[in-house]
């Protein structure tokens, strides 16, 4: 029975000069007032998770995470529809959305992060950073620190990534009792 899942996030970023209205919607009114902020967007961010169980491995990927990165505030915000996770097995996908994650009740996952470390965006390179993250999942939010990586090219972030573990109990995600009994027998 899975107790945790390994999550990896990858966002390829591009300039957001024409998308300031969208960014203000995601980052709140304080962002809208900062008309000189440097904002970047990834419209097709990749979120992947994996968990090994005795019965079968659970793995899915979504390429539909919308991510906005404000380099002035050092905030990264990502939002995705729960049903955008695709599994190799359609039955597993249905069970995930209906039984585990209740995707109709909790349609979105939100990842809100802030860079803890200072970063000079004028210096190209690949940087390992500490991030303060808040994950909103299954109607619950938890704050943690995690490691991440940002790649800067030509003075702009072009890619951001992070990997972390999510303990299902922290978010009150339970496996239905009948399935838990089947998993315990194998």
N, C-alpha and C. Protein backbone atom coordinates (compact mmCIF):
# COMPACT_ATOMS: atom_id res chain seq x y z
N UNK A 1 0.85 -1.16 0.00
CA UNK A 1 0.00 0.00 0.00
C UNK A 1 0.90 1.24 0.00
N UNK A 2 0.69 2.16 -0.93
CA UNK A 2 1.56 3.33 -0.97
C UNK A 2 1.33 4.24 0.23
N UNK A 3 2.42 4.69 0.82
CA UNK A 3 2.34 5.65 1.92
C UNK A 3 2.78 7.02 1.44
N UNK A 4 3.54 7.05 0.33
CA UNK A 4 4.04 8.31 -0.21
C UNK A 4 4.21 8.16 -1.71
N UNK A 5 4.24 9.29 -2.38
CA UNK A 5 4.52 9.30 -3.82
C UNK A 5 5.68 10.24 -4.08
N UNK A 6 6.46 9.91 -5.08
CA UNK A 6 7.57 10.75 -5.51
C UNK A 6 7.05 11.64 -6.63
N UNK A 7 7.18 12.95 -6.48
CA UNK A 7 6.66 13.91 -7.44
C UNK A 7 7.83 14.66 -8.08
N UNK A 8 7.79 14.79 -9.40
CA UNK A 8 8.78 15.63 -10.08
C UNK A 8 8.03 16.64 -10.95
N UNK A 9 8.53 17.87 -10.94
CA UNK A 9 7.92 18.97 -11.68
C UNK A 9 8.96 19.54 -12.63
N UNK A 10 8.58 19.80 -13.87
CA UNK A 10 9.48 20.41 -14.84
C UNK A 10 8.70 21.47 -15.60
N UNK A 11 9.20 22.70 -15.56
CA UNK A 11 8.55 23.81 -16.23
C UNK A 11 9.53 24.46 -17.19
N UNK A 12 9.23 24.44 -18.48
CA UNK A 12 10.01 25.18 -19.47
C UNK A 12 9.35 26.54 -19.60
N UNK A 13 10.12 27.57 -19.40
CA UNK A 13 9.57 28.92 -19.21
C UNK A 13 9.87 29.80 -20.41
N UNK A 14 8.91 30.71 -20.72
CA UNK A 14 9.16 31.74 -21.74
C UNK A 14 8.65 33.07 -21.22
N UNK A 15 9.07 34.12 -21.85
CA UNK A 15 8.72 35.46 -21.40
C UNK A 15 7.21 35.67 -21.42
N UNK A 16 6.74 36.46 -20.49
CA UNK A 16 5.30 36.63 -20.30
C UNK A 16 4.87 38.07 -20.47
N UNK A 17 5.52 38.82 -21.32
CA UNK A 17 5.20 40.24 -21.42
C UNK A 17 3.76 40.49 -21.85
N UNK A 18 3.16 39.63 -22.66
CA UNK A 18 1.79 39.83 -23.12
C UNK A 18 0.76 39.19 -22.20
N UNK A 19 1.21 38.48 -21.19
CA UNK A 19 0.29 37.72 -20.35
C UNK A 19 0.16 38.31 -18.95
N UNK A 20 0.39 39.60 -18.76
CA UNK A 20 0.35 40.18 -17.42
C UNK A 20 -1.02 40.04 -16.76
N UNK A 21 -2.08 40.09 -17.52
CA UNK A 21 -3.41 39.93 -16.95
C UNK A 21 -3.56 38.53 -16.35
N UNK A 22 -3.10 37.51 -17.08
CA UNK A 22 -3.15 36.14 -16.58
C UNK A 22 -2.32 36.02 -15.31
N UNK A 23 -1.14 36.60 -15.30
CA UNK A 23 -0.26 36.53 -14.13
C UNK A 23 -0.90 37.21 -12.94
N UNK A 24 -1.57 38.34 -13.16
CA UNK A 24 -2.21 39.03 -12.04
C UNK A 24 -3.34 38.18 -11.46
N UNK A 25 -4.02 37.43 -12.31
CA UNK A 25 -5.07 36.55 -11.84
C UNK A 25 -4.50 35.46 -10.95
N UNK A 26 -3.35 34.88 -11.35
CA UNK A 26 -2.75 33.79 -10.58
C UNK A 26 -2.02 34.28 -9.35
N UNK A 27 -1.33 35.39 -9.43
CA UNK A 27 -0.48 35.81 -8.32
C UNK A 27 -1.11 36.87 -7.43
N UNK A 28 -2.32 37.26 -7.74
CA UNK A 28 -3.03 38.18 -6.87
C UNK A 28 -2.87 39.63 -7.25
N UNK A 29 -3.63 40.48 -6.59
CA UNK A 29 -3.68 41.88 -6.95
C UNK A 29 -2.36 42.60 -6.70
N UNK A 30 -1.56 42.17 -5.72
CA UNK A 30 -0.29 42.84 -5.47
C UNK A 30 0.63 42.71 -6.68
N UNK A 31 0.52 41.60 -7.37
CA UNK A 31 1.32 41.42 -8.57
C UNK A 31 0.84 42.36 -9.68
N UNK A 32 -0.47 42.53 -9.79
CA UNK A 32 -1.03 43.38 -10.85
C UNK A 32 -0.53 44.82 -10.69
N UNK A 33 -0.29 45.25 -9.46
CA UNK A 33 0.17 46.60 -9.23
C UNK A 33 1.64 46.78 -9.62
N UNK A 34 2.39 45.70 -9.69
CA UNK A 34 3.81 45.77 -10.02
C UNK A 34 3.97 45.62 -11.54
N UNK A 35 3.72 46.69 -12.26
CA UNK A 35 3.72 46.59 -13.72
C UNK A 35 5.11 46.42 -14.30
N UNK A 36 6.16 46.54 -13.50
CA UNK A 36 7.51 46.34 -13.99
C UNK A 36 8.08 44.99 -13.60
N UNK A 37 7.25 44.12 -13.10
CA UNK A 37 7.71 42.79 -12.70
C UNK A 37 8.12 41.99 -13.93
N UNK A 38 9.06 41.12 -13.73
CA UNK A 38 9.48 40.21 -14.79
C UNK A 38 8.75 38.90 -14.58
N UNK A 39 7.83 38.60 -15.47
CA UNK A 39 7.01 37.41 -15.33
C UNK A 39 7.27 36.47 -16.49
N UNK A 40 7.27 35.20 -16.18
CA UNK A 40 7.49 34.15 -17.17
C UNK A 40 6.43 33.09 -16.98
N UNK A 41 6.10 32.41 -18.07
CA UNK A 41 5.02 31.42 -18.02
C UNK A 41 5.45 30.12 -18.68
N UNK A 42 4.86 29.05 -18.19
CA UNK A 42 4.94 27.74 -18.83
C UNK A 42 3.51 27.23 -18.91
N UNK A 43 2.99 27.11 -20.11
CA UNK A 43 1.61 26.70 -20.29
C UNK A 43 1.43 25.19 -20.30
N UNK A 44 2.49 24.44 -20.47
CA UNK A 44 2.40 22.98 -20.54
C UNK A 44 3.45 22.33 -19.63
N UNK A 45 3.43 22.70 -18.35
CA UNK A 45 4.38 22.14 -17.40
C UNK A 45 4.14 20.67 -17.17
N UNK A 46 5.20 19.95 -16.87
CA UNK A 46 5.12 18.50 -16.66
C UNK A 46 5.17 18.20 -15.16
N UNK A 47 4.17 17.46 -14.69
CA UNK A 47 4.14 16.95 -13.32
C UNK A 47 4.05 15.43 -13.43
N UNK A 48 4.93 14.73 -12.75
CA UNK A 48 4.98 13.27 -12.82
C UNK A 48 5.00 12.74 -11.39
N UNK A 49 4.29 11.63 -11.15
CA UNK A 49 4.43 11.00 -9.83
C UNK A 49 4.56 9.50 -10.00
N UNK A 50 5.19 8.89 -8.99
CA UNK A 50 5.45 7.45 -8.99
C UNK A 50 5.39 6.93 -7.57
N UNK A 51 4.78 5.76 -7.40
CA UNK A 51 4.79 5.07 -6.13
C UNK A 51 4.81 3.57 -6.39
N UNK A 52 5.71 2.86 -5.72
CA UNK A 52 5.80 1.41 -5.85
C UNK A 52 4.90 0.76 -4.80
N UNK A 53 4.13 -0.25 -5.21
CA UNK A 53 3.33 -1.03 -4.27
C UNK A 53 3.59 -2.50 -4.54
N UNK A 54 3.15 -3.36 -3.64
CA UNK A 54 3.37 -4.79 -3.82
C UNK A 54 2.55 -5.36 -4.97
N UNK A 55 1.42 -4.74 -5.27
CA UNK A 55 0.55 -5.23 -6.34
C UNK A 55 0.97 -4.69 -7.70
N UNK A 56 1.13 -3.39 -7.81
CA UNK A 56 1.56 -2.77 -9.06
C UNK A 56 2.06 -1.36 -8.77
N UNK A 57 2.94 -0.89 -9.64
CA UNK A 57 3.44 0.47 -9.50
C UNK A 57 2.37 1.45 -9.96
N UNK A 58 2.33 2.58 -9.30
CA UNK A 58 1.37 3.63 -9.64
C UNK A 58 2.18 4.79 -10.20
N UNK A 59 1.87 5.16 -11.45
CA UNK A 59 2.64 6.19 -12.14
C UNK A 59 1.75 6.95 -13.10
N UNK A 60 1.91 8.27 -13.12
CA UNK A 60 1.12 9.09 -14.03
C UNK A 60 1.87 10.38 -14.33
N UNK A 61 1.50 10.99 -15.46
CA UNK A 61 2.12 12.24 -15.89
C UNK A 61 1.05 13.17 -16.43
N UNK A 62 1.21 14.45 -16.12
CA UNK A 62 0.39 15.50 -16.71
C UNK A 62 1.31 16.48 -17.41
N UNK A 63 0.90 16.93 -18.58
CA UNK A 63 1.63 17.97 -19.32
C UNK A 63 0.78 19.23 -19.40
N UNK A 64 -0.10 19.43 -18.41
CA UNK A 64 -1.05 20.54 -18.46
C UNK A 64 -0.92 21.51 -17.28
N UNK A 65 0.19 21.48 -16.57
CA UNK A 65 0.34 22.43 -15.46
C UNK A 65 0.65 23.81 -16.00
N UNK A 66 -0.06 24.80 -15.51
CA UNK A 66 0.20 26.18 -15.87
C UNK A 66 1.05 26.79 -14.77
N UNK A 67 2.19 27.33 -15.15
CA UNK A 67 3.14 27.86 -14.18
C UNK A 67 3.46 29.31 -14.51
N UNK A 68 3.49 30.16 -13.48
CA UNK A 68 3.88 31.55 -13.62
C UNK A 68 5.03 31.80 -12.64
N UNK A 69 6.09 32.45 -13.13
CA UNK A 69 7.27 32.73 -12.32
C UNK A 69 7.54 34.22 -12.35
N UNK A 70 7.49 34.87 -11.18
CA UNK A 70 7.77 36.29 -11.05
C UNK A 70 9.16 36.42 -10.43
N UNK A 71 10.13 36.89 -11.21
CA UNK A 71 11.51 36.97 -10.72
C UNK A 71 11.71 38.09 -9.71
N UNK A 72 10.85 39.10 -9.70
CA UNK A 72 10.97 40.17 -8.70
C UNK A 72 10.55 39.67 -7.32
N UNK A 73 9.44 38.99 -7.24
CA UNK A 73 8.96 38.49 -5.95
C UNK A 73 9.56 37.13 -5.60
N UNK A 74 10.22 36.50 -6.58
CA UNK A 74 10.81 35.16 -6.43
C UNK A 74 9.74 34.10 -6.17
N UNK A 75 8.54 34.33 -6.70
CA UNK A 75 7.43 33.39 -6.51
C UNK A 75 7.20 32.58 -7.78
N UNK A 76 6.92 31.30 -7.57
CA UNK A 76 6.56 30.38 -8.64
C UNK A 76 5.22 29.78 -8.26
N UNK A 77 4.28 29.84 -9.18
CA UNK A 77 2.93 29.34 -8.92
C UNK A 77 2.54 28.39 -10.03
N UNK A 78 2.07 27.21 -9.68
CA UNK A 78 1.62 26.24 -10.68
C UNK A 78 0.25 25.70 -10.29
N UNK A 79 -0.59 25.53 -11.29
CA UNK A 79 -1.94 25.02 -11.08
C UNK A 79 -2.25 24.02 -12.18
N UNK A 80 -2.86 22.90 -11.80
CA UNK A 80 -3.23 21.90 -12.81
C UNK A 80 -4.52 21.20 -12.42
N UNK A 81 -5.20 20.74 -13.45
CA UNK A 81 -6.42 19.96 -13.23
C UNK A 81 -6.03 18.55 -12.81
N UNK A 82 -6.66 18.04 -11.77
CA UNK A 82 -6.38 16.69 -11.28
C UNK A 82 -6.59 15.63 -12.36
N UNK A 83 -7.63 15.80 -13.18
CA UNK A 83 -7.94 14.80 -14.20
C UNK A 83 -6.96 14.81 -15.38
N UNK A 84 -6.01 15.75 -15.38
CA UNK A 84 -5.04 15.78 -16.49
C UNK A 84 -3.94 14.73 -16.33
N UNK A 85 -3.85 14.06 -15.17
CA UNK A 85 -2.88 12.98 -15.03
C UNK A 85 -3.30 11.81 -15.91
N UNK A 86 -2.37 11.35 -16.72
CA UNK A 86 -2.62 10.21 -17.60
C UNK A 86 -1.84 9.00 -17.11
N UNK A 87 -2.51 7.87 -17.04
CA UNK A 87 -1.93 6.60 -16.61
C UNK A 87 -1.85 5.66 -17.81
N UNK A 88 -0.98 4.68 -17.75
CA UNK A 88 -0.93 3.67 -18.81
C UNK A 88 -2.18 2.81 -18.81
N UNK A 89 -2.74 2.59 -17.64
CA UNK A 89 -3.92 1.75 -17.46
C UNK A 89 -5.14 2.64 -17.20
N UNK A 90 -6.11 2.60 -18.07
CA UNK A 90 -7.31 3.44 -17.96
C UNK A 90 -8.08 3.16 -16.67
N UNK A 91 -8.14 1.89 -16.26
CA UNK A 91 -8.85 1.55 -15.03
C UNK A 91 -8.17 2.20 -13.83
N UNK A 92 -6.84 2.20 -13.81
CA UNK A 92 -6.10 2.85 -12.73
C UNK A 92 -6.38 4.35 -12.73
N UNK A 93 -6.46 4.95 -13.89
CA UNK A 93 -6.76 6.37 -14.01
C UNK A 93 -8.15 6.67 -13.45
N UNK A 94 -9.11 5.83 -13.79
CA UNK A 94 -10.47 6.02 -13.27
C UNK A 94 -10.51 5.89 -11.75
N UNK A 95 -9.83 4.86 -11.20
CA UNK A 95 -9.80 4.67 -9.74
C UNK A 95 -9.13 5.87 -9.06
N UNK A 96 -8.05 6.36 -9.65
CA UNK A 96 -7.32 7.50 -9.11
C UNK A 96 -8.26 8.71 -8.99
N UNK A 97 -8.97 9.03 -10.06
CA UNK A 97 -9.83 10.21 -10.08
C UNK A 97 -11.10 10.05 -9.24
N UNK A 98 -11.69 8.86 -9.25
CA UNK A 98 -12.96 8.66 -8.55
C UNK A 98 -12.79 8.26 -7.10
N UNK A 99 -11.88 7.32 -6.82
CA UNK A 99 -11.78 6.74 -5.48
C UNK A 99 -10.75 7.41 -4.58
N UNK A 100 -9.58 7.73 -5.12
CA UNK A 100 -8.50 8.26 -4.28
C UNK A 100 -8.56 9.77 -4.18
N UNK A 101 -8.55 10.45 -5.30
CA UNK A 101 -8.40 11.91 -5.31
C UNK A 101 -9.72 12.66 -5.38
N UNK A 102 -10.81 11.95 -5.63
CA UNK A 102 -12.13 12.60 -5.72
C UNK A 102 -12.02 13.86 -6.57
N UNK A 103 -11.62 13.69 -7.82
CA UNK A 103 -11.30 14.81 -8.70
C UNK A 103 -12.47 15.75 -8.97
N UNK A 104 -13.69 15.27 -8.87
CA UNK A 104 -14.83 16.19 -9.03
C UNK A 104 -14.93 17.11 -7.82
N UNK A 105 -14.63 16.61 -6.65
CA UNK A 105 -14.70 17.40 -5.41
C UNK A 105 -13.49 18.32 -5.27
N UNK A 106 -12.30 17.85 -5.67
CA UNK A 106 -11.05 18.61 -5.59
C UNK A 106 -10.42 18.65 -6.98
N UNK A 107 -10.92 19.52 -7.87
CA UNK A 107 -10.50 19.47 -9.27
C UNK A 107 -9.08 19.96 -9.56
N UNK A 108 -8.49 20.77 -8.68
CA UNK A 108 -7.18 21.36 -8.98
C UNK A 108 -6.16 21.04 -7.89
N UNK A 109 -4.92 20.91 -8.32
CA UNK A 109 -3.77 20.88 -7.43
C UNK A 109 -3.03 22.19 -7.64
N UNK A 110 -2.52 22.76 -6.56
CA UNK A 110 -1.81 24.02 -6.65
C UNK A 110 -0.48 23.89 -5.91
N UNK A 111 0.57 24.35 -6.56
CA UNK A 111 1.90 24.37 -5.97
C UNK A 111 2.37 25.81 -5.96
N UNK A 112 2.59 26.35 -4.77
CA UNK A 112 2.98 27.74 -4.58
C UNK A 112 4.37 27.72 -3.95
N UNK A 113 5.37 28.27 -4.63
CA UNK A 113 6.74 28.20 -4.14
C UNK A 113 7.38 29.59 -4.12
N UNK A 114 8.34 29.74 -3.22
CA UNK A 114 9.14 30.96 -3.13
C UNK A 114 10.61 30.56 -3.05
N UNK A 115 11.45 31.23 -3.83
CA UNK A 115 12.88 30.98 -3.74
C UNK A 115 13.39 31.49 -2.40
N UNK A 116 14.08 30.65 -1.65
CA UNK A 116 14.66 31.05 -0.38
C UNK A 116 16.03 31.68 -0.63
N UNK A 117 16.79 31.11 -1.54
CA UNK A 117 18.13 31.59 -1.84
C UNK A 117 18.09 32.79 -2.77
N UNK A 118 19.12 33.63 -2.67
CA UNK A 118 19.27 34.75 -3.60
C UNK A 118 19.76 34.20 -4.95
N UNK A 119 19.31 34.82 -6.02
CA UNK A 119 19.70 34.39 -7.36
C UNK A 119 19.89 35.61 -8.23
N UNK A 120 21.02 35.69 -8.90
CA UNK A 120 21.31 36.78 -9.82
C UNK A 120 20.88 36.33 -11.22
N UNK A 121 19.77 36.86 -11.68
CA UNK A 121 19.22 36.44 -12.97
C UNK A 121 20.03 36.95 -14.15
N UNK A 122 21.03 37.80 -13.90
CA UNK A 122 21.87 38.28 -15.01
C UNK A 122 23.02 37.31 -15.30
N UNK A 123 23.23 36.32 -14.45
CA UNK A 123 24.32 35.35 -14.63
C UNK A 123 23.77 34.03 -15.14
N UNK A 124 24.13 33.67 -16.36
CA UNK A 124 23.68 32.42 -16.96
C UNK A 124 24.28 31.23 -16.21
N UNK A 125 23.52 30.14 -16.18
CA UNK A 125 24.00 28.92 -15.54
C UNK A 125 22.86 28.11 -14.98
N UNK A 126 23.23 27.00 -14.36
CA UNK A 126 22.29 26.10 -13.72
C UNK A 126 22.50 26.22 -12.21
N UNK A 127 21.43 26.49 -11.47
CA UNK A 127 21.54 26.78 -10.04
C UNK A 127 20.66 25.85 -9.22
N UNK A 128 21.25 25.22 -8.20
CA UNK A 128 20.52 24.44 -7.21
C UNK A 128 20.05 25.43 -6.14
N UNK A 129 18.77 25.38 -5.80
CA UNK A 129 18.20 26.35 -4.87
C UNK A 129 17.33 25.66 -3.83
N UNK A 130 17.09 26.38 -2.74
CA UNK A 130 16.12 25.95 -1.75
C UNK A 130 14.82 26.70 -2.02
N UNK A 131 13.72 25.97 -1.97
CA UNK A 131 12.40 26.53 -2.22
C UNK A 131 11.51 26.28 -1.00
N UNK A 132 10.73 27.27 -0.64
CA UNK A 132 9.67 27.07 0.34
C UNK A 132 8.43 26.79 -0.48
N UNK A 133 7.83 25.63 -0.29
CA UNK A 133 6.68 25.27 -1.11
C UNK A 133 5.45 25.01 -0.25
N UNK A 134 4.32 25.39 -0.81
CA UNK A 134 3.03 25.05 -0.23
C UNK A 134 2.28 24.27 -1.30
N UNK A 135 1.92 23.05 -0.96
CA UNK A 135 1.18 22.19 -1.89
C UNK A 135 -0.26 22.09 -1.40
N UNK A 136 -1.19 22.48 -2.25
CA UNK A 136 -2.61 22.35 -1.98
C UNK A 136 -3.09 21.10 -2.71
N UNK A 137 -3.46 20.10 -1.94
CA UNK A 137 -3.82 18.80 -2.51
C UNK A 137 -4.95 18.19 -1.68
N UNK A 138 -5.98 17.76 -2.34
CA UNK A 138 -7.08 17.06 -1.67
C UNK A 138 -7.69 17.89 -0.55
N UNK A 139 -7.81 19.20 -0.80
CA UNK A 139 -8.43 20.09 0.17
C UNK A 139 -7.56 20.44 1.37
N UNK A 140 -6.29 20.07 1.31
CA UNK A 140 -5.36 20.32 2.42
C UNK A 140 -4.13 21.02 1.88
N UNK A 141 -3.54 21.90 2.70
CA UNK A 141 -2.30 22.52 2.28
C UNK A 141 -1.22 22.24 3.32
N UNK A 142 -0.02 21.96 2.81
CA UNK A 142 1.13 21.69 3.67
C UNK A 142 2.32 22.48 3.14
N UNK A 143 3.05 23.07 4.09
CA UNK A 143 4.26 23.81 3.73
C UNK A 143 5.49 22.96 4.04
N UNK A 144 6.45 23.01 3.14
CA UNK A 144 7.71 22.29 3.30
C UNK A 144 8.81 23.07 2.61
N UNK A 145 10.05 22.73 2.93
CA UNK A 145 11.18 23.22 2.14
C UNK A 145 11.63 22.08 1.25
N UNK A 146 12.05 22.43 0.05
CA UNK A 146 12.50 21.43 -0.90
C UNK A 146 13.62 22.01 -1.74
N UNK A 147 14.29 21.18 -2.47
CA UNK A 147 15.35 21.62 -3.37
C UNK A 147 14.79 21.76 -4.77
N UNK A 148 15.36 22.66 -5.52
CA UNK A 148 14.95 22.88 -6.90
C UNK A 148 16.13 23.29 -7.74
N UNK A 149 15.89 23.39 -9.02
CA UNK A 149 16.95 23.77 -9.96
C UNK A 149 16.36 24.76 -10.96
N UNK A 150 17.11 25.82 -11.24
CA UNK A 150 16.70 26.80 -12.23
C UNK A 150 17.84 26.99 -13.21
N UNK A 151 17.50 27.02 -14.50
CA UNK A 151 18.49 27.27 -15.55
C UNK A 151 18.24 28.66 -16.11
N UNK A 152 19.30 29.49 -16.12
CA UNK A 152 19.24 30.86 -16.63
C UNK A 152 20.04 30.90 -17.94
N UNK A 153 19.43 31.43 -18.99
CA UNK A 153 20.11 31.64 -20.27
C UNK A 153 19.77 33.04 -20.77
N UNK A 154 20.79 33.77 -21.22
CA UNK A 154 20.59 35.13 -21.71
C UNK A 154 19.86 36.02 -20.71
N UNK A 155 20.15 35.81 -19.42
CA UNK A 155 19.56 36.63 -18.38
C UNK A 155 18.12 36.33 -18.04
N UNK A 156 17.60 35.18 -18.53
CA UNK A 156 16.20 34.83 -18.26
C UNK A 156 16.12 33.37 -17.82
N UNK A 157 15.20 33.07 -16.89
CA UNK A 157 15.00 31.66 -16.53
C UNK A 157 14.34 30.93 -17.70
N UNK A 158 14.89 29.78 -18.07
CA UNK A 158 14.31 29.01 -19.17
C UNK A 158 13.74 27.68 -18.70
N UNK A 159 14.16 27.23 -17.51
CA UNK A 159 13.64 25.97 -16.99
C UNK A 159 13.75 25.96 -15.47
N UNK A 160 12.71 25.42 -14.83
CA UNK A 160 12.70 25.25 -13.38
C UNK A 160 12.22 23.84 -13.09
N UNK A 161 12.83 23.19 -12.10
CA UNK A 161 12.41 21.84 -11.76
C UNK A 161 12.57 21.60 -10.26
N UNK A 162 11.82 20.64 -9.76
CA UNK A 162 11.90 20.25 -8.36
C UNK A 162 11.38 18.83 -8.22
N UNK A 163 11.92 18.09 -7.28
CA UNK A 163 11.45 16.75 -6.96
C UNK A 163 11.26 16.66 -5.46
N UNK A 164 10.18 15.99 -5.03
CA UNK A 164 9.92 15.87 -3.60
C UNK A 164 8.96 14.70 -3.35
N UNK A 165 8.93 14.28 -2.11
CA UNK A 165 8.02 13.22 -1.68
C UNK A 165 6.76 13.86 -1.08
N UNK A 166 5.64 13.20 -1.32
CA UNK A 166 4.37 13.62 -0.74
C UNK A 166 3.84 12.46 0.09
N UNK A 167 3.72 12.64 1.40
CA UNK A 167 3.14 11.62 2.27
C UNK A 167 1.63 11.72 2.19
N UNK A 168 0.99 10.64 1.76
CA UNK A 168 -0.46 10.65 1.55
C UNK A 168 -1.22 10.97 2.84
N UNK A 169 -0.73 10.49 3.98
CA UNK A 169 -1.40 10.75 5.25
C UNK A 169 -1.44 12.24 5.58
N UNK A 170 -0.43 13.00 5.15
CA UNK A 170 -0.42 14.45 5.41
C UNK A 170 -1.59 15.16 4.77
N UNK A 171 -2.13 14.56 3.71
CA UNK A 171 -3.24 15.18 2.96
C UNK A 171 -4.55 14.41 3.15
N UNK A 172 -4.56 13.50 4.10
CA UNK A 172 -5.76 12.70 4.41
C UNK A 172 -6.25 11.90 3.21
N UNK A 173 -5.32 11.45 2.38
CA UNK A 173 -5.67 10.61 1.23
C UNK A 173 -5.62 9.17 1.67
N UNK A 174 -6.75 8.49 1.57
CA UNK A 174 -6.85 7.11 2.00
C UNK A 174 -7.20 6.21 0.83
N UNK A 175 -6.68 5.00 0.88
CA UNK A 175 -7.06 4.00 -0.10
C UNK A 175 -8.37 3.37 0.39
N UNK A 176 -9.37 3.22 -0.50
CA UNK A 176 -10.62 2.60 -0.07
C UNK A 176 -10.35 1.27 0.62
N UNK A 177 -11.09 0.97 1.68
CA UNK A 177 -10.81 -0.19 2.53
C UNK A 177 -10.80 -1.51 1.76
N UNK A 178 -11.68 -1.68 0.80
CA UNK A 178 -11.71 -2.95 0.06
C UNK A 178 -10.41 -3.13 -0.76
N UNK A 179 -9.92 -2.06 -1.35
CA UNK A 179 -8.67 -2.15 -2.10
C UNK A 179 -7.48 -2.34 -1.15
N UNK A 180 -7.52 -1.71 0.00
CA UNK A 180 -6.44 -1.87 0.98
C UNK A 180 -6.35 -3.34 1.41
N UNK A 181 -7.48 -4.01 1.59
CA UNK A 181 -7.48 -5.43 1.98
C UNK A 181 -6.87 -6.29 0.87
N UNK A 182 -7.18 -5.97 -0.37
CA UNK A 182 -6.62 -6.73 -1.50
C UNK A 182 -5.11 -6.53 -1.54
N UNK A 183 -4.64 -5.29 -1.38
CA UNK A 183 -3.22 -5.01 -1.41
C UNK A 183 -2.48 -5.70 -0.28
N UNK A 184 -3.09 -5.78 0.91
CA UNK A 184 -2.44 -6.42 2.06
C UNK A 184 -2.28 -7.92 1.86
N UNK A 185 -3.16 -8.55 1.09
CA UNK A 185 -3.11 -10.00 0.86
C UNK A 185 -2.03 -10.38 -0.13
N UNK A 186 -1.56 -9.46 -0.94
CA UNK A 186 -0.56 -9.81 -1.96
C UNK A 186 0.84 -9.60 -1.46
